[in-house]
């Protein structure tokens, strides 16, 4: 019977199945989108009882090339607050949902030292 593993949820994920012998198989897949997924094993078109497993994929470490700065004011008034946002994302474009990254802001302008 044909054995297949499906992984659906935030994004469809494909993978490979390796026969290990003695009725054992190993499924390997690499999700790149963070979010909730459901894993199911199917043999001969019928889902294996108890194979429906819910799990969550979290974003990878922050990647500066995928992170974005937005809401930047191009002009302000002295003495008033200026704000902008940084959206931290991983290499796959997933939003980082937890903190812990060290963020350094550098200012350059009148009276600054660099």
C-alpha atoms as a PDB file:
ATOM      1  CA  UNK A   1       0.000   0.000   0.000  1.00  0.00           C
ATOM      2  CA  UNK A   2       1.129   3.521  -0.715  1.00  0.00           C
ATOM      3  CA  UNK A   3       2.185   5.510   2.332  1.00  0.00           C
ATOM      4  CA  UNK A   4       1.897   9.269   2.329  1.00  0.00           C
ATOM      5  CA  UNK A   5       2.235  11.989   4.916  1.00  0.00           C
ATOM      6  CA  UNK A   6       0.358  15.248   4.565  1.00  0.00           C
ATOM      7  CA  UNK A   7       1.104  18.415   6.429  1.00  0.00           C
ATOM      8  CA  UNK A   8      -1.465  21.154   6.067  1.00  0.00           C
ATOM      9  CA  UNK A   9      -2.163  24.379   7.848  1.00  0.00           C
ATOM     10  CA  UNK A  10      -0.416  27.714   7.458  1.00  0.00           C
ATOM     11  CA  UNK A  11       1.157  26.442   4.227  1.00  0.00           C
ATOM     12  CA  UNK A  12       1.324  23.115   2.423  1.00  0.00           C
ATOM     13  CA  UNK A  13       4.551  21.273   3.176  1.00  0.00           C
ATOM     14  CA  UNK A  14       5.961  18.440   1.128  1.00  0.00           C
ATOM     15  CA  UNK A  15       8.556  15.994   2.271  1.00  0.00           C
ATOM     16  CA  UNK A  16      10.049  12.581   1.744  1.00  0.00           C
ATOM     17  CA  UNK A  17       9.276   9.179   3.215  1.00  0.00           C
ATOM     18  CA  UNK A  18      12.067   6.698   3.857  1.00  0.00           C
ATOM     19  CA  UNK A  19      11.416   3.008   4.534  1.00  0.00           C
ATOM     20  CA  UNK A  20      13.520   1.902   7.519  1.00  0.00           C
ATOM     21  CA  UNK A  21      12.507  -1.779   7.331  1.00  0.00           C
ATOM     22  CA  UNK A  22      10.396  -3.987   9.603  1.00  0.00           C
ATOM     23  CA  UNK A  23       7.328  -1.839   8.880  1.00  0.00           C
ATOM     24  CA  UNK A  24       8.951   1.402  10.065  1.00  0.00           C
ATOM     25  CA  UNK A  25       9.030   4.575   7.987  1.00  0.00           C
ATOM     26  CA  UNK A  26      10.524   8.009   8.546  1.00  0.00           C
ATOM     27  CA  UNK A  27       8.922  11.177   7.174  1.00  0.00           C
ATOM     28  CA  UNK A  28      11.097  14.260   6.783  1.00  0.00           C
ATOM     29  CA  UNK A  29       9.836  17.718   5.858  1.00  0.00           C
ATOM     30  CA  UNK A  30      10.981  21.304   6.333  1.00  0.00           C
ATOM     31  CA  UNK A  31       8.262  23.923   6.944  1.00  0.00           C
ATOM     32  CA  UNK A  32       9.262  27.504   6.127  1.00  0.00           C
ATOM     33  CA  UNK A  33       6.111  29.357   7.232  1.00  0.00           C
ATOM     34  CA  UNK A  34       5.397  29.827  10.912  1.00  0.00           C
ATOM     35  CA  UNK A  35       1.976  28.962  12.301  1.00  0.00           C
ATOM     36  CA  UNK A  36      -0.213  25.967  13.177  1.00  0.00           C
ATOM     37  CA  UNK A  37      -0.057  22.709  11.206  1.00  0.00           C
ATOM     38  CA  UNK A  38      -1.715  19.280  11.244  1.00  0.00           C
ATOM     39  CA  UNK A  39       0.299  16.203  10.312  1.00  0.00           C
ATOM     40  CA  UNK A  40      -1.492  13.083   9.011  1.00  0.00           C
ATOM     41  CA  UNK A  41      -0.180   9.686   7.878  1.00  0.00           C
ATOM     42  CA  UNK A  42      -2.184   7.922   5.172  1.00  0.00           C
ATOM     43  CA  UNK A  43      -1.826   4.335   3.944  1.00  0.00           C
ATOM     44  CA  UNK A  44      -3.713   3.225   0.855  1.00  0.00           C
ATOM     45  CA  UNK A  45      -5.912   6.324   0.970  1.00  0.00           C
ATOM     46  CA  UNK A  46      -6.964   5.795   4.619  1.00  0.00           C
ATOM     47  CA  UNK A  47      -5.697   7.940   7.470  1.00  0.00           C
ATOM     48  CA  UNK A  48      -3.795   6.017  10.135  1.00  0.00           C
ATOM     49  CA  UNK A  49      -5.749   6.195  13.409  1.00  0.00           C
ATOM     50  CA  UNK A  50      -4.106   8.600  15.819  1.00  0.00           C
ATOM     51  CA  UNK A  51      -1.823  10.099  13.192  1.00  0.00           C
ATOM     52  CA  UNK A  52      -3.498  13.506  13.166  1.00  0.00           C
ATOM     53  CA  UNK A  53      -1.012  15.584  15.148  1.00  0.00           C
ATOM     54  CA  UNK A  54      -1.318  19.319  15.729  1.00  0.00           C
ATOM     55  CA  UNK A  55       1.884  21.273  16.118  1.00  0.00           C
ATOM     56  CA  UNK A  56       3.195  24.796  15.755  1.00  0.00           C
ATOM     57  CA  UNK A  57       6.149  26.131  13.781  1.00  0.00           C
ATOM     58  CA  UNK A  58       7.765  29.249  15.233  1.00  0.00           C
ATOM     59  CA  UNK A  59       9.731  31.849  13.278  1.00  0.00           C
ATOM     60  CA  UNK A  60      13.467  31.330  12.958  1.00  0.00           C
ATOM     61  CA  UNK A  61      16.037  33.878  14.215  1.00  0.00           C
ATOM     62  CA  UNK A  62      15.769  37.463  13.030  1.00  0.00           C
ATOM     63  CA  UNK A  63      17.227  38.244   9.609  1.00  0.00           C
ATOM     64  CA  UNK A  64      18.030  41.927   8.994  1.00  0.00           C
ATOM     65  CA  UNK A  65      17.654  41.494   5.235  1.00  0.00           C
ATOM     66  CA  UNK A  66      13.991  40.517   5.691  1.00  0.00           C
ATOM     67  CA  UNK A  67      13.200  42.948   8.549  1.00  0.00           C
ATOM     68  CA  UNK A  68      11.492  46.245   7.713  1.00  0.00           C
ATOM     69  CA  UNK A  69      11.498  49.780   9.139  1.00  0.00           C
ATOM     70  CA  UNK A  70       8.259  51.704   8.633  1.00  0.00           C
ATOM     71  CA  UNK A  71       6.214  54.684   9.769  1.00  0.00           C
ATOM     72  CA  UNK A  72       9.279  56.910   9.595  1.00  0.00           C
ATOM     73  CA  UNK A  73       8.549  60.632   9.778  1.00  0.00           C
ATOM     74  CA  UNK A  74      10.629  62.691   7.360  1.00  0.00           C
ATOM     75  CA  UNK A  75      10.114  65.873   9.332  1.00  0.00           C
ATOM     76  CA  UNK A  76       9.384  66.796  12.946  1.00  0.00           C
ATOM     77  CA  UNK A  77       9.276  69.714  15.364  1.00  0.00           C
ATOM     78  CA  UNK A  78      11.986  70.239  18.001  1.00  0.00           C
ATOM     79  CA  UNK A  79      10.840  68.940  21.382  1.00  0.00           C
ATOM     80  CA  UNK A  80       8.220  66.566  19.957  1.00  0.00           C
ATOM     81  CA  UNK A  81       8.428  62.787  19.938  1.00  0.00           C
ATOM     82  CA  UNK A  82       9.436  61.030  16.731  1.00  0.00           C
ATOM     83  CA  UNK A  83       8.542  57.352  16.303  1.00  0.00           C
ATOM     84  CA  UNK A  84       9.097  54.544  13.833  1.00  0.00           C
ATOM     85  CA  UNK A  85       8.579  50.792  13.895  1.00  0.00           C
ATOM     86  CA  UNK A  86      10.839  47.864  13.138  1.00  0.00           C
ATOM     87  CA  UNK A  87       9.195  44.646  11.988  1.00  0.00           C
ATOM     88  CA  UNK A  88      11.596  41.800  12.748  1.00  0.00           C
ATOM     89  CA  UNK A  89      11.325  38.840  10.358  1.00  0.00           C
ATOM     90  CA  UNK A  90      13.201  35.605   9.810  1.00  0.00           C
ATOM     91  CA  UNK A  91      14.916  34.520   6.586  1.00  0.00           C
ATOM     92  CA  UNK A  92      11.587  33.156   5.272  1.00  0.00           C
ATOM     93  CA  UNK A  93       9.697  36.431   5.935  1.00  0.00           C
ATOM     94  CA  UNK A  94       7.869  35.173   9.047  1.00  0.00           C
ATOM     95  CA  UNK A  95       7.181  37.815  11.688  1.00  0.00           C
ATOM     96  CA  UNK A  96       9.168  37.266  14.882  1.00  0.00           C
ATOM     97  CA  UNK A  97       6.562  37.003  17.640  1.00  0.00           C
ATOM     98  CA  UNK A  98       8.923  36.997  20.616  1.00  0.00           C
ATOM     99  CA  UNK A  99      11.492  39.529  21.751  1.00  0.00           C
ATOM    100  CA  UNK A 100      15.061  39.146  22.840  1.00  0.00           C
ATOM    101  CA  UNK A 101      16.847  40.692  19.869  1.00  0.00           C
ATOM    102  CA  UNK A 102      19.296  43.486  20.633  1.00  0.00           C
ATOM    103  CA  UNK A 103      18.233  46.551  18.641  1.00  0.00           C
ATOM    104  CA  UNK A 104      20.600  49.500  18.344  1.00  0.00           C
ATOM    105  CA  UNK A 105      19.413  52.858  17.003  1.00  0.00           C
ATOM    106  CA  UNK A 106      22.023  55.275  15.719  1.00  0.00           C
ATOM    107  CA  UNK A 107      21.310  58.984  15.284  1.00  0.00           C
ATOM    108  CA  UNK A 108      23.245  61.331  13.027  1.00  0.00           C
ATOM    109  CA  UNK A 109      22.472  65.052  12.848  1.00  0.00           C
ATOM    110  CA  UNK A 110      23.213  68.432  14.443  1.00  0.00           C
ATOM    111  CA  UNK A 111      25.033  67.972  17.741  1.00  0.00           C
ATOM    112  CA  UNK A 112      25.300  64.196  17.435  1.00  0.00           C
ATOM    113  CA  UNK A 113      28.570  62.353  17.855  1.00  0.00           C
ATOM    114  CA  UNK A 114      27.807  59.789  15.181  1.00  0.00           C
END
